[in-house]
Amino acid sequence: MDAESFKKEFLPYHHKLYCIAYRLLENAADAEDLVQEAYLKLWDKREGLAVISNPEAFSVILVKNMCFDLLRSGKYALSKQLVELTEVHTVSPADNLEIRDEVQQVKNIIARLPEQQQRIVTLRDVKGCSYEEIEHATGLNATNVRVLLSRARKRIREEFNKWSNYESRRI
């Protein structure tokens, strides 16, 4: 496959691939870098791509797998643990402090969960990944993912309720 046919075949999917990477990685620079790496992999394998019947699907699967590999890597996961929350509506300064305290408390509770539960909660509830994507990223089956997510959510709820009841008694 020459450069011109490669461009015609794979570059039209750039925006879609970027959107998928951005959704999974939640970082524009990382998503763009990953898509560029995907194009390099495709280019390196260009001679074998002639047998691919659906280049769009092939490219999408490649990018998703590369994202999951990156998310599985320990150092990437640790650097992305903290989630920045932005305000959508105006709140009073007192309410804003209370919301920040609650958000920080939830983050602290999640940080104390077992590692697999942390990862599953982050992938499902923070990043919005499907159960299938979580299965692929963690190597667990659907039942294990659902059980771990349920246990994690229950523990977060219980710990948060303990904390909020304690806080309300202090006031």
Protein backbone atom coordinates (compact mmCIF):
# COMPACT_ATOMS: atom_id res chain seq x y z
CA MET A 1 0.00 0.00 0.00
CA ASP A 2 1.43 3.36 -0.99
CA ALA A 3 1.14 6.60 1.00
CA GLU A 4 -1.69 8.03 -1.09
CA SER A 5 -3.94 4.98 -0.76
CA PHE A 6 -3.10 4.77 2.96
CA LYS A 7 -4.26 8.38 3.41
CA LYS A 8 -7.48 7.77 1.49
CA GLU A 9 -8.16 4.57 3.39
CA PHE A 10 -7.41 5.55 7.01
CA LEU A 11 -7.18 9.34 7.48
CA PRO A 12 -10.94 9.97 7.10
CA TYR A 13 -11.41 8.24 10.46
CA HIS A 14 -9.04 10.53 12.34
CA HIS A 15 -11.78 12.51 14.10
CA LYS A 16 -13.67 9.39 15.14
CA LEU A 17 -10.50 7.73 16.44
CA TYR A 18 -9.56 10.87 18.35
CA CYS A 19 -13.02 11.06 19.95
CA ILE A 20 -12.79 7.44 21.08
CA ALA A 21 -9.32 7.97 22.54
CA TYR A 22 -10.38 11.20 24.23
CA ARG A 23 -13.46 9.56 25.76
CA LEU A 24 -11.37 6.77 27.22
CA LEU A 25 -8.29 8.76 28.27
CA GLU A 26 -10.01 12.07 29.14
CA ASN A 27 -6.98 14.02 28.03
CA ALA A 28 -6.68 15.78 24.68
CA ALA A 29 -2.90 15.52 24.40
CA ASP A 30 -2.82 11.85 25.34
CA ALA A 31 -5.66 11.10 22.91
CA GLU A 32 -3.89 12.86 20.05
CA ASP A 33 -0.60 11.11 20.83
CA LEU A 34 -2.32 7.74 20.96
CA VAL A 35 -4.05 8.28 17.61
CA GLN A 36 -0.73 9.25 16.06
CA GLU A 37 0.84 6.09 17.48
CA ALA A 38 -2.06 4.10 16.01
CA TYR A 39 -1.37 5.60 12.59
CA LEU A 40 2.29 4.67 12.94
CA LYS A 41 1.32 1.08 13.76
CA LEU A 42 -1.01 0.99 10.79
CA TRP A 43 1.67 2.42 8.52
CA ASP A 44 4.21 -0.14 9.72
CA LYS A 45 1.72 -2.91 8.88
CA ARG A 46 0.53 -1.29 5.62
CA GLU A 47 1.41 -4.28 3.44
CA GLY A 48 -0.90 -6.56 5.41
CA LEU A 49 -3.77 -4.06 5.49
CA ALA A 50 -4.96 -4.89 1.97
CA VAL A 51 -6.85 -7.90 3.34
CA ILE A 52 -8.79 -5.77 5.86
CA SER A 53 -12.39 -5.56 4.66
CA ASN A 54 -13.46 -2.80 7.08
CA PRO A 55 -10.62 -0.32 7.76
CA GLU A 56 -12.82 1.83 9.99
CA ALA A 57 -13.68 -1.03 12.35
CA PHE A 58 -10.08 -2.22 12.33
CA SER A 59 -8.85 1.27 13.23
CA VAL A 60 -11.43 1.72 15.98
CA ILE A 61 -10.53 -1.62 17.58
CA LEU A 62 -6.84 -0.79 17.35
CA VAL A 63 -7.32 2.58 19.10
CA LYS A 64 -9.57 1.09 21.81
CA ASN A 65 -7.06 -1.67 22.50
CA MET A 66 -4.21 0.82 22.66
CA CYS A 67 -6.24 2.95 25.11
CA PHE A 68 -7.01 -0.06 27.28
CA ASP A 69 -3.34 -1.04 27.26
CA LEU A 70 -2.39 2.47 28.32
CA LEU A 71 -5.07 2.56 31.02
CA ARG A 72 -3.86 -0.82 32.31
CA SER A 73 -0.32 0.45 32.69
CA GLY A 74 0.28 1.27 36.32
CA LYS A 75 2.00 4.60 35.91
CA TYR A 76 -0.70 5.99 33.62
CA ALA A 77 -3.48 4.88 35.95
CA LEU A 78 -1.79 6.49 38.96
CA SER A 79 -1.22 9.78 37.18
CA LYS A 80 -4.88 9.96 36.18
CA GLN A 81 -6.47 8.96 39.51
CA LEU A 82 -7.48 12.45 40.55
CA VAL A 83 -10.48 13.76 38.69
CA GLU A 84 -11.01 17.46 38.33
CA LEU A 85 -14.62 18.45 38.93
CA THR A 86 -15.94 21.69 37.49
CA GLU A 87 -18.91 23.74 38.59
CA VAL A 88 -21.86 23.70 36.21
CA HIS A 89 -24.08 26.15 38.04
CA THR A 90 -23.59 29.03 40.44
CA VAL A 91 -23.60 28.20 44.12
CA SER A 92 -23.04 30.27 47.20
CA PRO A 93 -19.52 30.26 48.69
CA ALA A 94 -20.75 28.29 51.73
CA ASP A 95 -22.45 25.68 49.53
CA ASN A 96 -19.37 25.58 47.34
CA LEU A 97 -17.17 24.72 50.34
CA GLU A 98 -19.60 22.02 51.43
CA ILE A 99 -19.67 20.52 47.93
CA ARG A 100 -15.87 20.58 47.77
CA ASP A 101 -15.67 18.82 51.13
CA GLU A 102 -18.11 16.15 49.96
CA VAL A 103 -16.27 15.64 46.67
CA GLN A 104 -12.95 15.39 48.49
CA GLN A 105 -14.44 12.90 50.94
CA VAL A 106 -15.71 10.70 48.08
CA LYS A 107 -12.26 10.85 46.46
CA ASN A 108 -10.68 9.84 49.76
CA ILE A 109 -13.10 6.93 50.15
CA ILE A 110 -12.38 5.74 46.61
CA ALA A 111 -8.64 6.01 47.27
CA ARG A 112 -9.04 3.63 50.24
CA LEU A 113 -10.85 0.97 48.19
CA PRO A 114 -8.96 -2.12 47.06
CA GLU A 115 -7.05 -1.45 43.83
CA GLN A 116 -9.39 -3.43 41.53
CA GLN A 117 -12.45 -1.71 42.95
CA GLN A 118 -10.80 1.70 42.55
CA ARG A 119 -10.05 0.93 38.94
CA ILE A 120 -13.53 -0.37 38.15
CA VAL A 121 -15.26 2.60 39.84
CA THR A 122 -13.00 5.00 37.96
CA LEU A 123 -13.58 3.30 34.61
CA ARG A 124 -17.35 2.95 35.04
CA ASP A 125 -18.50 5.93 37.10
CA VAL A 126 -15.85 8.51 36.29
CA LYS A 127 -14.87 7.69 32.71
CA GLY A 128 -18.20 6.21 31.65
CA CYS A 129 -16.78 3.01 30.14
CA SER A 130 -19.16 0.20 29.29
CA TYR A 131 -18.99 -3.11 31.12
CA GLU A 132 -17.50 -4.68 28.01
CA GLU A 133 -14.73 -2.06 27.92
CA ILE A 134 -14.04 -2.63 31.62
CA GLU A 135 -13.86 -6.39 31.04
CA HIS A 136 -11.36 -5.82 28.29
CA ALA A 137 -9.29 -3.32 30.32
CA THR A 138 -9.17 -5.43 33.49
CA GLY A 139 -9.30 -8.96 32.13
CA LEU A 140 -12.19 -9.79 34.47
CA ASN A 141 -15.47 -11.33 33.33
CA ALA A 142 -18.79 -9.44 33.42
CA THR A 143 -19.96 -11.05 36.66
CA ASN A 144 -16.77 -10.14 38.51
CA VAL A 145 -16.92 -6.56 37.23
CA ARG A 146 -20.53 -6.13 38.39
CA VAL A 147 -19.86 -7.70 41.80
CA LEU A 148 -16.76 -5.57 42.42
CA LEU A 149 -18.58 -2.42 41.27
CA SER A 150 -21.54 -3.19 43.50
CA ARG A 151 -19.30 -3.79 46.52
CA ALA A 152 -17.32 -0.62 45.83
CA ARG A 153 -20.45 1.52 45.48
CA LYS A 154 -21.92 0.03 48.66
CA ARG A 155 -18.75 0.78 50.60
CA ILE A 156 -18.56 4.33 49.19
CA ARG A 157 -22.20 4.91 50.17
CA GLU A 158 -21.69 3.50 53.68
CA GLU A 159 -18.47 5.42 54.33
CA PHE A 160 -19.94 8.65 52.96
CA ASN A 161 -23.07 8.27 55.11
CA LYS A 162 -20.91 7.67 58.21
CA TRP A 163 -18.88 10.76 57.37
CA SER A 164 -21.91 12.97 56.65
CA ASN A 165 -23.69 11.82 59.83
CA TYR A 166 -20.55 12.60 61.82
CA GLU A 167 -20.23 16.00 60.16
CA SER A 168 -23.89 16.87 60.84
CA ARG A 169 -23.51 15.97 64.55
CA ARG A 170 -20.46 18.22 64.81
CA ILE A 171 -22.45 21.27 63.70
